[in-house]
């Protein structure tokens, strides 16, 4: 479940092409192929607890703060940054994800 905006966000964030964009449904897929990640359907009810499932992104060859700034410019919201540069953010739909230095 998720909005079209979150599909567009993840396409840009991951650098993966948008392979489906129709009727408020979106999907992205690695340029190397494999499983598609999709969003769409009825709007979710408001979130009342933290998600027990989240993406974990690694910053490979990038400065963590630069990557945080890039993700925020794409629509993410910064929740917290740890001393090691790890960060917790949310996507445009409010789903948590983590960014860690590689």
N, C-alpha and C. Protein backbone atom coordinates (compact mmCIF):
# COMPACT_ATOMS: atom_id res chain seq x y z
N UNK A 1 0.84 -1.18 0.00
CA UNK A 1 0.00 0.00 0.00
C UNK A 1 0.88 1.24 0.00
N UNK A 2 0.40 2.25 -0.62
CA UNK A 2 1.12 3.51 -0.64
C UNK A 2 0.63 4.39 -1.76
N UNK A 3 1.00 5.65 -1.69
CA UNK A 3 0.56 6.61 -2.68
C UNK A 3 1.49 6.64 -3.89
N UNK A 4 1.04 7.28 -4.93
CA UNK A 4 1.87 7.47 -6.12
C UNK A 4 3.14 8.25 -5.74
N UNK A 5 3.00 9.24 -4.86
CA UNK A 5 4.16 10.05 -4.47
C UNK A 5 5.28 9.20 -3.87
N UNK A 6 4.93 8.18 -3.11
CA UNK A 6 5.97 7.34 -2.51
C UNK A 6 6.66 6.49 -3.57
N UNK A 7 5.94 6.06 -4.58
CA UNK A 7 6.57 5.34 -5.68
C UNK A 7 7.54 6.22 -6.45
N UNK A 8 7.14 7.47 -6.69
CA UNK A 8 8.03 8.42 -7.37
C UNK A 8 9.26 8.71 -6.51
N UNK A 9 9.05 8.85 -5.20
CA UNK A 9 10.16 9.10 -4.28
C UNK A 9 11.18 7.96 -4.35
N UNK A 10 10.72 6.72 -4.23
CA UNK A 10 11.66 5.59 -4.21
C UNK A 10 12.34 5.40 -5.56
N UNK A 11 11.67 5.73 -6.64
CA UNK A 11 12.31 5.67 -7.95
C UNK A 11 13.53 6.60 -7.98
N UNK A 12 13.33 7.82 -7.51
CA UNK A 12 14.44 8.79 -7.48
C UNK A 12 15.49 8.42 -6.42
N UNK A 13 15.03 8.02 -5.24
CA UNK A 13 15.95 7.71 -4.15
C UNK A 13 16.88 6.55 -4.51
N UNK A 14 16.34 5.52 -5.14
CA UNK A 14 17.13 4.34 -5.48
C UNK A 14 17.80 4.44 -6.85
N UNK A 15 17.33 5.36 -7.68
CA UNK A 15 17.83 5.43 -9.04
C UNK A 15 17.31 4.28 -9.89
N UNK A 16 16.17 3.74 -9.49
CA UNK A 16 15.53 2.64 -10.22
C UNK A 16 14.42 3.22 -11.09
N UNK A 17 14.27 2.71 -12.30
CA UNK A 17 13.22 3.24 -13.16
C UNK A 17 11.82 2.89 -12.65
N UNK A 18 10.93 3.80 -12.92
CA UNK A 18 9.51 3.57 -12.65
C UNK A 18 9.01 2.70 -13.80
N UNK A 19 8.60 1.48 -13.49
CA UNK A 19 8.19 0.54 -14.54
C UNK A 19 6.67 0.41 -14.63
N UNK A 20 5.97 1.08 -13.71
CA UNK A 20 4.50 1.08 -13.74
C UNK A 20 4.04 2.37 -13.10
N UNK A 21 3.15 3.08 -13.76
CA UNK A 21 2.58 4.32 -13.22
C UNK A 21 1.22 4.49 -13.86
N UNK A 22 0.20 3.95 -13.21
CA UNK A 22 -1.14 4.00 -13.76
C UNK A 22 -2.16 3.99 -12.64
N UNK A 23 -3.14 4.87 -12.74
CA UNK A 23 -4.28 4.88 -11.82
C UNK A 23 -3.84 4.89 -10.35
N UNK A 24 -2.90 5.76 -10.03
CA UNK A 24 -2.38 5.92 -8.66
C UNK A 24 -1.59 4.72 -8.16
N UNK A 25 -1.19 3.84 -9.04
CA UNK A 25 -0.33 2.70 -8.68
C UNK A 25 1.02 2.88 -9.35
N UNK A 26 2.09 2.56 -8.63
CA UNK A 26 3.44 2.69 -9.17
C UNK A 26 4.25 1.45 -8.81
N UNK A 27 5.30 1.23 -9.58
CA UNK A 27 6.24 0.15 -9.28
C UNK A 27 7.61 0.56 -9.80
N UNK A 28 8.65 0.14 -9.08
CA UNK A 28 10.02 0.35 -9.50
C UNK A 28 10.69 -1.02 -9.59
N UNK A 29 11.78 -1.06 -10.37
CA UNK A 29 12.53 -2.30 -10.51
C UNK A 29 13.99 -1.95 -10.72
N UNK A 30 14.86 -2.73 -10.14
CA UNK A 30 16.29 -2.53 -10.33
C UNK A 30 16.61 -2.54 -11.82
N UNK A 31 17.56 -1.71 -12.25
CA UNK A 31 17.99 -1.75 -13.65
C UNK A 31 18.55 -3.12 -14.04
N UNK A 32 18.94 -3.92 -13.04
CA UNK A 32 19.46 -5.26 -13.30
C UNK A 32 18.35 -6.30 -13.42
N UNK A 33 17.10 -5.88 -13.22
CA UNK A 33 15.97 -6.80 -13.27
C UNK A 33 15.61 -7.29 -11.88
N UNK A 34 14.84 -8.33 -11.82
CA UNK A 34 14.44 -8.89 -10.53
C UNK A 34 13.05 -8.44 -10.13
N UNK A 35 12.76 -8.60 -8.86
CA UNK A 35 11.44 -8.32 -8.32
C UNK A 35 11.11 -6.83 -8.38
N UNK A 36 9.88 -6.55 -8.68
CA UNK A 36 9.39 -5.16 -8.66
C UNK A 36 8.90 -4.84 -7.26
N UNK A 37 9.04 -3.57 -6.87
CA UNK A 37 8.48 -3.07 -5.61
C UNK A 37 7.36 -2.13 -6.01
N UNK A 38 6.14 -2.38 -5.50
CA UNK A 38 4.97 -1.64 -5.96
C UNK A 38 4.23 -0.95 -4.82
N UNK A 39 3.54 0.13 -5.17
CA UNK A 39 2.71 0.88 -4.24
C UNK A 39 1.39 1.19 -4.92
N UNK A 40 0.34 1.19 -4.16
CA UNK A 40 -0.97 1.56 -4.70
C UNK A 40 -2.08 1.00 -3.85
N UNK A 41 -3.26 1.23 -4.28
CA UNK A 41 -4.42 0.74 -3.54
C UNK A 41 -5.05 1.84 -2.71
N UNK A 42 -5.99 1.46 -1.91
CA UNK A 42 -6.72 2.41 -1.08
C UNK A 42 -5.78 3.06 -0.07
N UNK A 43 -6.02 4.33 0.26
CA UNK A 43 -5.19 4.98 1.28
C UNK A 43 -5.22 4.21 2.58
N UNK A 44 -4.09 4.16 3.22
CA UNK A 44 -3.98 3.46 4.50
C UNK A 44 -4.61 4.28 5.60
N UNK A 45 -5.03 3.59 6.64
CA UNK A 45 -5.52 4.30 7.81
C UNK A 45 -4.33 4.96 8.48
N UNK A 46 -4.55 6.03 9.24
CA UNK A 46 -3.43 6.71 9.89
C UNK A 46 -2.60 5.75 10.75
N UNK A 47 -1.31 5.95 10.71
CA UNK A 47 -0.37 5.10 11.44
C UNK A 47 -0.41 5.45 12.93
N UNK A 48 -0.45 4.43 13.77
CA UNK A 48 -0.47 4.67 15.21
C UNK A 48 0.74 4.05 15.91
N UNK A 49 1.49 3.22 15.22
CA UNK A 49 2.67 2.58 15.81
C UNK A 49 3.78 2.51 14.77
N UNK A 50 5.00 2.33 15.25
CA UNK A 50 6.12 2.18 14.33
C UNK A 50 5.96 0.90 13.52
N UNK A 51 6.42 0.98 12.29
CA UNK A 51 6.38 -0.19 11.42
C UNK A 51 7.46 -1.18 11.85
N UNK A 52 7.15 -2.46 11.79
CA UNK A 52 8.17 -3.46 12.13
C UNK A 52 8.91 -3.91 10.87
N UNK A 53 8.61 -3.27 9.75
CA UNK A 53 9.26 -3.59 8.49
C UNK A 53 9.72 -2.28 7.86
N UNK A 54 11.01 -2.18 7.52
CA UNK A 54 11.49 -0.95 6.90
C UNK A 54 12.69 -1.23 6.01
N UNK A 55 12.89 -0.35 5.03
CA UNK A 55 14.05 -0.44 4.16
C UNK A 55 15.29 -0.04 4.94
N UNK A 56 16.41 -0.67 4.61
CA UNK A 56 17.71 -0.29 5.15
C UNK A 56 18.59 0.04 3.95
N UNK A 57 19.00 1.29 3.84
CA UNK A 57 19.85 1.73 2.75
C UNK A 57 21.27 1.95 3.27
N UNK A 58 22.25 1.61 2.46
CA UNK A 58 23.66 1.82 2.81
C UNK A 58 24.23 2.89 1.90
N UNK A 59 24.97 3.82 2.48
CA UNK A 59 25.63 4.86 1.69
C UNK A 59 26.97 4.32 1.24
N UNK A 60 27.06 3.95 -0.01
CA UNK A 60 28.29 3.38 -0.56
C UNK A 60 29.04 4.50 -1.28
N UNK A 61 30.18 4.90 -0.72
CA UNK A 61 30.99 5.93 -1.35
C UNK A 61 30.39 7.32 -1.29
N UNK A 62 29.41 7.54 -0.44
CA UNK A 62 28.79 8.86 -0.32
C UNK A 62 28.88 9.33 1.13
N UNK A 63 29.00 10.62 1.28
CA UNK A 63 28.97 11.21 2.61
C UNK A 63 27.56 11.05 3.17
N UNK A 64 27.41 10.49 4.38
CA UNK A 64 26.06 10.27 4.92
C UNK A 64 25.20 11.54 4.98
N UNK A 65 25.79 12.66 5.38
CA UNK A 65 24.99 13.88 5.48
C UNK A 65 24.53 14.36 4.10
N UNK A 66 25.39 14.19 3.10
CA UNK A 66 25.01 14.55 1.74
C UNK A 66 23.84 13.69 1.27
N UNK A 67 23.89 12.41 1.60
CA UNK A 67 22.80 11.51 1.21
C UNK A 67 21.51 11.84 1.98
N UNK A 68 21.63 12.17 3.25
CA UNK A 68 20.45 12.58 4.03
C UNK A 68 19.83 13.81 3.37
N UNK A 69 20.65 14.79 3.05
CA UNK A 69 20.15 16.01 2.42
C UNK A 69 19.46 15.72 1.09
N UNK A 70 20.04 14.80 0.30
CA UNK A 70 19.44 14.44 -0.99
C UNK A 70 18.07 13.80 -0.78
N UNK A 71 17.98 12.86 0.16
CA UNK A 71 16.70 12.18 0.42
C UNK A 71 15.64 13.15 0.93
N UNK A 72 16.04 14.07 1.79
CA UNK A 72 15.10 15.08 2.29
C UNK A 72 14.63 15.97 1.14
N UNK A 73 15.54 16.32 0.23
CA UNK A 73 15.14 17.15 -0.92
C UNK A 73 14.15 16.42 -1.83
N UNK A 74 14.17 15.08 -1.80
CA UNK A 74 13.23 14.28 -2.60
C UNK A 74 11.88 14.08 -1.92
N UNK A 75 11.78 14.43 -0.62
CA UNK A 75 10.51 14.29 0.08
C UNK A 75 10.55 13.50 1.37
N UNK A 76 11.73 12.99 1.75
CA UNK A 76 11.85 12.27 3.02
C UNK A 76 11.82 13.27 4.18
N UNK A 77 11.50 12.76 5.35
CA UNK A 77 11.55 13.56 6.57
C UNK A 77 12.58 12.92 7.50
N UNK A 78 13.50 13.74 7.99
CA UNK A 78 14.54 13.26 8.90
C UNK A 78 13.97 13.15 10.31
N UNK A 79 14.16 11.98 10.93
CA UNK A 79 13.69 11.75 12.30
C UNK A 79 14.85 11.94 13.28
N UNK A 80 15.98 11.27 13.00
CA UNK A 80 17.12 11.33 13.92
C UNK A 80 18.39 10.92 13.19
N UNK A 81 19.54 11.43 13.70
CA UNK A 81 20.85 11.03 13.20
C UNK A 81 21.68 10.58 14.39
N UNK A 82 22.29 9.39 14.27
CA UNK A 82 23.16 8.86 15.32
C UNK A 82 24.58 9.38 15.15
N UNK A 83 25.40 9.17 16.17
CA UNK A 83 26.79 9.62 16.15
C UNK A 83 27.59 9.01 15.01
N UNK A 84 27.25 7.80 14.59
CA UNK A 84 27.99 7.13 13.52
C UNK A 84 27.54 7.56 12.13
N UNK A 85 26.58 8.49 12.04
CA UNK A 85 26.09 8.96 10.76
C UNK A 85 24.86 8.22 10.27
N UNK A 86 24.45 7.16 10.98
CA UNK A 86 23.21 6.46 10.63
C UNK A 86 22.04 7.40 10.85
N UNK A 87 21.02 7.25 10.04
CA UNK A 87 19.86 8.13 10.17
C UNK A 87 18.58 7.34 10.04
N UNK A 88 17.56 7.82 10.72
CA UNK A 88 16.21 7.29 10.55
C UNK A 88 15.40 8.38 9.88
N UNK A 89 14.70 7.99 8.82
CA UNK A 89 13.89 8.92 8.05
C UNK A 89 12.54 8.29 7.77
N UNK A 90 11.63 9.07 7.22
CA UNK A 90 10.38 8.53 6.72
C UNK A 90 10.22 8.95 5.26
N UNK A 91 9.54 8.10 4.49
CA UNK A 91 9.26 8.43 3.09
C UNK A 91 8.03 9.37 3.07
N UNK A 92 7.60 9.82 1.89
CA UNK A 92 6.46 10.75 1.84
C UNK A 92 5.16 10.21 2.44
N UNK A 93 5.02 8.90 2.57
CA UNK A 93 3.84 8.32 3.21
C UNK A 93 4.02 8.10 4.71
N UNK A 94 5.19 8.49 5.25
CA UNK A 94 5.42 8.35 6.69
C UNK A 94 5.98 7.01 7.11
N UNK A 95 6.39 6.17 6.17
CA UNK A 95 6.97 4.86 6.51
C UNK A 95 8.46 5.05 6.81
N UNK A 96 8.90 4.46 7.93
CA UNK A 96 10.28 4.61 8.36
C UNK A 96 11.24 3.83 7.47
N UNK A 97 12.43 4.39 7.30
CA UNK A 97 13.54 3.66 6.69
C UNK A 97 14.83 4.15 7.31
N UNK A 98 15.87 3.34 7.22
CA UNK A 98 17.16 3.65 7.85
C UNK A 98 18.22 3.84 6.77
N UNK A 99 19.13 4.75 7.04
CA UNK A 99 20.27 5.01 6.18
C UNK A 99 21.52 4.77 7.03
N UNK A 100 22.42 3.94 6.55
CA UNK A 100 23.63 3.61 7.31
C UNK A 100 24.86 3.81 6.46
N UNK A 101 25.93 4.34 7.04
CA UNK A 101 27.19 4.43 6.29
C UNK A 101 27.70 3.03 5.99
N UNK A 102 28.21 2.82 4.79
CA UNK A 102 28.74 1.50 4.41
C UNK A 102 30.19 1.37 4.82
